[in-house]
C-alpha atoms as a PDB file:
ATOM      1  CA  ARG A   1       2.304 106.578 -70.755  1.00  0.00           C
ATOM      2  CA  LEU A   2       4.867 103.670 -70.506  1.00  0.00           C
ATOM      3  CA  HIS A   3       2.993 102.287 -73.199  1.00  0.00           C
ATOM      4  CA  ALA A   4       3.487 105.260 -75.740  1.00  0.00           C
ATOM      5  CA  ASP A   5       7.365 105.460 -74.642  1.00  0.00           C
ATOM      6  CA  GLN A   6       7.495 102.108 -75.654  1.00  0.00           C
ATOM      7  CA  LEU A   7       5.619 102.402 -79.200  1.00  0.00           C
ATOM      8  CA  GLU A   8       8.248 105.548 -79.830  1.00  0.00           C
ATOM      9  CA  THR A   9      11.147 102.898 -78.583  1.00  0.00           C
ATOM     10  CA  VAL A  10       9.869 100.176 -81.314  1.00  0.00           C
ATOM     11  CA  SER A  11       9.613 103.086 -84.170  1.00  0.00           C
ATOM     12  CA  GLY A  12      13.486 103.569 -84.212  1.00  0.00           C
ATOM     13  CA  LYS A  13      13.109 107.485 -83.656  1.00  0.00           C
ATOM     14  CA  PHE A  14      14.212 109.703 -80.543  1.00  0.00           C
ATOM     15  CA  PRO A  15      11.700 109.409 -78.154  1.00  0.00           C
ATOM     16  CA  LYS A  16      13.522 111.128 -75.397  1.00  0.00           C
ATOM     17  CA  LEU A  17      14.955 113.735 -77.953  1.00  0.00           C
ATOM     18  CA  THR A  18      11.586 115.704 -78.470  1.00  0.00           C
ATOM     19  CA  LYS A  19      11.159 115.685 -74.530  1.00  0.00           C
ATOM     20  CA  ILE A  20      14.442 117.124 -73.989  1.00  0.00           C
ATOM     21  CA  PHE A  21      14.133 120.031 -76.558  1.00  0.00           C
ATOM     22  CA  TRP A  22      10.236 120.697 -74.998  1.00  0.00           C
ATOM     23  CA  ARG A  23      11.880 120.591 -71.573  1.00  0.00           C
ATOM     24  CA  ASN A  24      14.588 123.696 -73.014  1.00  0.00           C
ATOM     25  CA  LYS A  25      11.455 125.807 -74.285  1.00  0.00           C
ATOM     26  CA  GLY A  26      11.766 129.185 -73.286  1.00  0.00           C
ATOM     27  CA  THR A  27       9.263 132.163 -73.000  1.00  0.00           C
ATOM     28  CA  SER A  28       9.393 132.897 -76.834  1.00  0.00           C
ATOM     29  CA  ASP A  29       7.791 130.938 -79.345  1.00  0.00           C
ATOM     30  CA  LYS A  30      11.189 129.765 -80.407  1.00  0.00           C
ATOM     31  CA  ILE A  31      12.798 126.790 -78.275  1.00  0.00           C
ATOM     32  CA  LYS A  32      16.330 127.321 -77.144  1.00  0.00           C
ATOM     33  CA  PHE A  33      17.570 124.383 -79.069  1.00  0.00           C
ATOM     34  CA  VAL A  34      17.289 126.530 -82.259  1.00  0.00           C
ATOM     35  CA  GLU A  35      18.947 129.494 -80.704  1.00  0.00           C
ATOM     36  CA  VAL A  36      22.503 130.187 -82.248  1.00  0.00           C
ATOM     37  CA  GLY A  37      25.179 129.502 -79.908  1.00  0.00           C
ATOM     38  CA  ASN A  38      23.329 126.583 -78.177  1.00  0.00           C
ATOM     39  CA  PRO A  39      26.199 123.845 -78.190  1.00  0.00           C
ATOM     40  CA  PHE A  40      23.714 121.001 -78.083  1.00  0.00           C
ATOM     41  CA  ARG A  41      22.059 121.186 -81.656  1.00  0.00           C
ATOM     42  CA  ILE A  42      25.709 121.235 -83.013  1.00  0.00           C
ATOM     43  CA  LEU A  43      27.136 118.573 -80.807  1.00  0.00           C
ATOM     44  CA  PHE A  44      24.083 116.080 -81.260  1.00  0.00           C
ATOM     45  CA  VAL A  45      24.341 116.232 -84.951  1.00  0.00           C
ATOM     46  CA  ARG A  46      28.218 115.654 -85.181  1.00  0.00           C
ATOM     47  CA  PHE A  47      27.649 113.130 -82.419  1.00  0.00           C
ATOM     48  CA  LEU A  48      25.301 111.337 -84.643  1.00  0.00           C
ATOM     49  CA  ALA A  49      28.216 111.612 -87.574  1.00  0.00           C
ATOM     50  CA  PHE A  50      30.797 110.383 -85.381  1.00  0.00           C
ATOM     51  CA  ILE A  51      28.955 107.383 -85.227  1.00  0.00           C
ATOM     52  CA  GLY A  52      27.460 107.175 -88.723  1.00  0.00           C
ATOM     53  CA  LEU A  53      30.120 108.363 -90.958  1.00  0.00           C
ATOM     54  CA  PRO A  54      32.812 106.077 -89.751  1.00  0.00           C
ATOM     55  CA  LEU A  55      30.385 103.144 -89.853  1.00  0.00           C
ATOM     56  CA  SER A  56      29.292 103.944 -93.644  1.00  0.00           C
ATOM     57  CA  VAL A  57      33.100 103.577 -94.263  1.00  0.00           C
ATOM     58  CA  LEU A  58      33.601 100.420 -91.987  1.00  0.00           C
ATOM     59  CA  LEU A  59      30.830  98.740 -93.676  1.00  0.00           C
ATOM     60  CA  PHE A  60      31.992  99.634 -96.924  1.00  0.00           C
ATOM     61  CA  PHE A  61      35.244  97.475 -96.685  1.00  0.00           C
ATOM     62  CA  THR A  62      34.115  94.875 -94.787  1.00  0.00           C
ATOM     63  CA  ALA A  63      30.943  94.152 -96.739  1.00  0.00           C
ATOM     64  CA  GLU A  64      32.475  90.724 -97.516  1.00  0.00           C
ATOM     65  CA  GLU A  65      33.114  89.901 -94.074  1.00  0.00           C
ATOM     66  CA  VAL A  66      29.767  90.908 -92.686  1.00  0.00           C
ATOM     67  CA  THR A  67      27.682  89.360 -95.511  1.00  0.00           C
ATOM     68  CA  ILE A  68      29.703  85.887 -94.921  1.00  0.00           C
ATOM     69  CA  ILE A  69      29.065  86.343 -90.865  1.00  0.00           C
ATOM     70  CA  ILE A  70      25.430  87.374 -91.267  1.00  0.00           C
ATOM     71  CA  PHE A  71      24.105  85.614 -94.228  1.00  0.00           C
ATOM     72  CA  GLY A  72      26.752  82.745 -95.359  1.00  0.00           C
ATOM     73  CA  HIS A  73      28.542  82.207 -98.634  1.00  0.00           C
ATOM     74  CA  GLN A  74      25.046  82.197-100.613  1.00  0.00           C
ATOM     75  CA  TRP A  75      25.098  85.758-100.169  1.00  0.00           C
ATOM     76  CA  MET A  76      28.398  86.959-101.723  1.00  0.00           C
ATOM     77  CA  PRO A  77      26.794  87.931-105.018  1.00  0.00           C
ATOM     78  CA  SER A  78      24.956  90.598-103.149  1.00  0.00           C
ATOM     79  CA  VAL A  79      28.307  92.625-101.612  1.00  0.00           C
ATOM     80  CA  PRO A  80      28.265  95.221-104.394  1.00  0.00           C
ATOM     81  CA  VAL A  81      25.122  96.049-103.396  1.00  0.00           C
ATOM     82  CA  PHE A  82      25.562  96.290-100.030  1.00  0.00           C
ATOM     83  CA  ARG A  83      28.724  98.455-100.343  1.00  0.00           C
ATOM     84  CA  ILE A  84      26.595 100.640-102.311  1.00  0.00           C
ATOM     85  CA  LEU A  85      23.774 100.856 -99.951  1.00  0.00           C
ATOM     86  CA  SER A  86      26.522 101.127 -96.348  1.00  0.00           C
ATOM     87  CA  LEU A  87      27.249 104.514 -98.391  1.00  0.00           C
ATOM     88  CA  SER A  88      23.855 106.113 -97.289  1.00  0.00           C
ATOM     89  CA  VAL A  89      24.239 104.578 -93.167  1.00  0.00           C
ATOM     90  CA  GLY A  90      25.606 108.177 -92.115  1.00  0.00           C
ATOM     91  CA  ILE A  91      23.493 110.087 -93.907  1.00  0.00           C
ATOM     92  CA  GLN A  92      20.531 108.118 -92.787  1.00  0.00           C
ATOM     93  CA  ILE A  93      21.468 108.204 -88.847  1.00  0.00           C
ATOM     94  CA  ILE A  94      21.789 111.627 -89.302  1.00  0.00           C
ATOM     95  CA  LEU A  95      18.339 111.980 -91.219  1.00  0.00           C
ATOM     96  CA  SER A  96      16.607 110.212 -88.472  1.00  0.00           C
ATOM     97  CA  SER A  97      16.949 112.806 -86.079  1.00  0.00           C
ATOM     98  CA  SER A  98      15.118 115.243 -88.222  1.00  0.00           C
ATOM     99  CA  GLY A  99      11.565 114.341 -87.253  1.00  0.00           C
ATOM    100  CA  SER A 100      12.000 114.971 -83.505  1.00  0.00           C
ATOM    101  CA  ILE A 101      13.617 118.341 -84.106  1.00  0.00           C
ATOM    102  CA  PHE A 102      10.858 119.336 -86.676  1.00  0.00           C
ATOM    103  CA  GLN A 103       8.543 118.509 -84.187  1.00  0.00           C
ATOM    104  CA  ALA A 104      10.019 120.053 -81.068  1.00  0.00           C
ATOM    105  CA  ALA A 105      10.406 123.268 -82.771  1.00  0.00           C
ATOM    106  CA  GLY A 106       6.503 123.094 -83.310  1.00  0.00           C
ATOM    107  CA  ASP A 107       6.991 123.084 -87.520  1.00  0.00           C
ATOM    108  CA  THR A 108       5.067 119.855 -88.494  1.00  0.00           C
ATOM    109  CA  ARG A 109       4.124 121.359 -91.749  1.00  0.00           C
ATOM    110  CA  SER A 110       7.965 121.349 -92.580  1.00  0.00           C
ATOM    111  CA  LEU A 111       7.967 117.713 -91.579  1.00  0.00           C
ATOM    112  CA  PHE A 112       5.372 116.762 -93.714  1.00  0.00           C
ATOM    113  CA  VAL A 113       6.762 118.436 -96.542  1.00  0.00           C
ATOM    114  CA  CYS A 114      10.327 116.728 -96.041  1.00  0.00           C
ATOM    115  CA  GLY A 115       8.329 113.650 -95.593  1.00  0.00           C
ATOM    116  CA  VAL A 116       6.557 113.969 -99.213  1.00  0.00           C
ATOM    117  CA  PHE A 117       9.502 114.825-100.722  1.00  0.00           C
ATOM    118  CA  SER A 118      11.493 111.947 -99.323  1.00  0.00           C
ATOM    119  CA  SER A 119       8.966 109.816-100.496  1.00  0.00           C
ATOM    120  CA  VAL A 120       8.569 111.007-103.979  1.00  0.00           C
ATOM    121  CA  LEU A 121      12.087 111.336-104.539  1.00  0.00           C
ATOM    122  CA  ASN A 122      13.031 107.686-103.004  1.00  0.00           C
ATOM    123  CA  VAL A 123       9.713 106.017-105.194  1.00  0.00           C
ATOM    124  CA  THR A 124      11.314 108.097-108.487  1.00  0.00           C
ATOM    125  CA  GLY A 125      14.803 106.716-107.632  1.00  0.00           C
ATOM    126  CA  ILE A 126      13.864 103.382-107.383  1.00  0.00           C
ATOM    127  CA  LEU A 127      11.630 103.208-110.437  1.00  0.00           C
ATOM    128  CA  LEU A 128      14.434 104.772-112.454  1.00  0.00           C
ATOM    129  CA  GLY A 129      17.189 101.950-111.245  1.00  0.00           C
ATOM    130  CA  ILE A 130      14.623  99.192-111.870  1.00  0.00           C
ATOM    131  CA  PHE A 131      13.093 100.529-115.070  1.00  0.00           C
ATOM    132  CA  TYR A 132      15.915 102.265-117.086  1.00  0.00           C
ATOM    133  CA  PHE A 133      19.022 101.024-115.519  1.00  0.00           C
ATOM    134  CA  GLY A 134      17.562  97.358-114.867  1.00  0.00           C
ATOM    135  CA  THR A 135      20.163  95.959-112.373  1.00  0.00           C
ATOM    136  CA  LEU A 136      20.419  95.964-108.524  1.00  0.00           C
ATOM    137  CA  THR A 137      23.478  98.160-108.158  1.00  0.00           C
ATOM    138  CA  ALA A 138      21.679 100.733-110.202  1.00  0.00           C
ATOM    139  CA  VAL A 139      18.752 100.459-107.790  1.00  0.00           C
ATOM    140  CA  ALA A 140      21.037 100.901-104.891  1.00  0.00           C
ATOM    141  CA  SER A 141      23.142 103.650-106.378  1.00  0.00           C
ATOM    142  CA  CYS A 142      19.950 105.332-107.357  1.00  0.00           C
ATOM    143  CA  ILE A 143      18.480 105.039-103.618  1.00  0.00           C
ATOM    144  CA  VAL A 144      21.922 106.320-102.201  1.00  0.00           C
ATOM    145  CA  VAL A 145      21.693 109.528-104.407  1.00  0.00           C
ATOM    146  CA  THR A 146      18.055 110.163-103.164  1.00  0.00           C
ATOM    147  CA  PHE A 147      18.974 109.783 -99.790  1.00  0.00           C
ATOM    148  CA  THR A 148      21.805 112.191 -99.960  1.00  0.00           C
ATOM    149  CA  ILE A 149      18.920 114.707-101.815  1.00  0.00           C
ATOM    150  CA  ASN A 150      16.861 114.278 -99.114  1.00  0.00           C
ATOM    151  CA  PHE A 151      19.357 114.815 -96.330  1.00  0.00           C
ATOM    152  CA  ILE A 152      20.287 118.049 -98.154  1.00  0.00           C
ATOM    153  CA  GLN A 153      16.300 119.366 -98.711  1.00  0.00           C
ATOM    154  CA  CYS A 154      15.351 118.253 -95.168  1.00  0.00           C
ATOM    155  CA  TYR A 155      18.563 120.011 -93.533  1.00  0.00           C
ATOM    156  CA  TRP A 156      17.994 123.090 -95.807  1.00  0.00           C
ATOM    157  CA  GLN A 157      14.795 123.023 -95.112  1.00  0.00           C
ATOM    158  CA  MET A 158      15.058 122.908 -91.384  1.00  0.00           C
ATOM    159  CA  TYR A 159      17.590 125.710 -91.091  1.00  0.00           C
ATOM    160  CA  ARG A 160      16.195 128.163 -93.748  1.00  0.00           C
ATOM    161  CA  VAL A 161      12.120 127.923 -93.141  1.00  0.00           C
ATOM    162  CA  THR A 162      12.134 126.356 -89.370  1.00  0.00           C
ATOM    163  CA  PHE A 163      15.369 127.967 -87.596  1.00  0.00           C
ATOM    164  CA  ARG A 164      15.293 130.825 -90.467  1.00  0.00           C
ATOM    165  CA  ARG A 165      18.945 130.722 -90.738  1.00  0.00           C
ATOM    166  CA  SER A 166      21.768 129.725 -93.152  1.00  0.00           C
ATOM    167  CA  ALA A 167      22.258 125.804 -93.693  1.00  0.00           C
ATOM    168  CA  TRP A 168      26.200 126.531 -94.582  1.00  0.00           C
ATOM    169  CA  PRO A 169      27.366 126.868 -90.714  1.00  0.00           C
ATOM    170  CA  PHE A 170      25.675 123.618 -89.932  1.00  0.00           C
ATOM    171  CA  MET A 171      27.276 122.293 -93.069  1.00  0.00           C
ATOM    172  CA  ARG A 172      30.636 123.387 -92.101  1.00  0.00           C
ATOM    173  CA  GLN A 173      30.327 122.065 -88.660  1.00  0.00           C
ATOM    174  CA  LEU A 174      28.982 118.761 -90.230  1.00  0.00           C
ATOM    175  CA  ILE A 175      32.419 118.062 -92.288  1.00  0.00           C
ATOM    176  CA  SER A 176      34.805 119.298 -90.037  1.00  0.00           C
END
């Protein structure tokens, strides 16, 4: 058991999240986490957004300083690419919790669909950036666009297919 927890922690996911959701499982087929009015779902994603979105802005505006401190002056030409990629940090932080939510809801099929969609979309975006546009900034821009599309698709699928609810209240909560 200890070994499994260590592997989950190394994977970078939210290992305890699934256990919390399963612990909250009710008598019905749906877990309490997905019920309307349960503040934990909204608070959890808003907490991730509270961390991730300002971090994106901070990294965008401090890209030169971060690059110099971590990599040195010789990496200054990479600052424009770093700035573009920093825009996706908030989305990626929020999106990283989706796998645990799908697993806790028992909808691993949707998790698989989102994973395949993400893989195909990201590879397509990278190839488009490399072969059509041909610059590193274009590749970074394509990756940010694909992460954004993946975020929208994943959370739309989570709400429409898994929770059988509209995703608009979630998007409004996320923006507010």
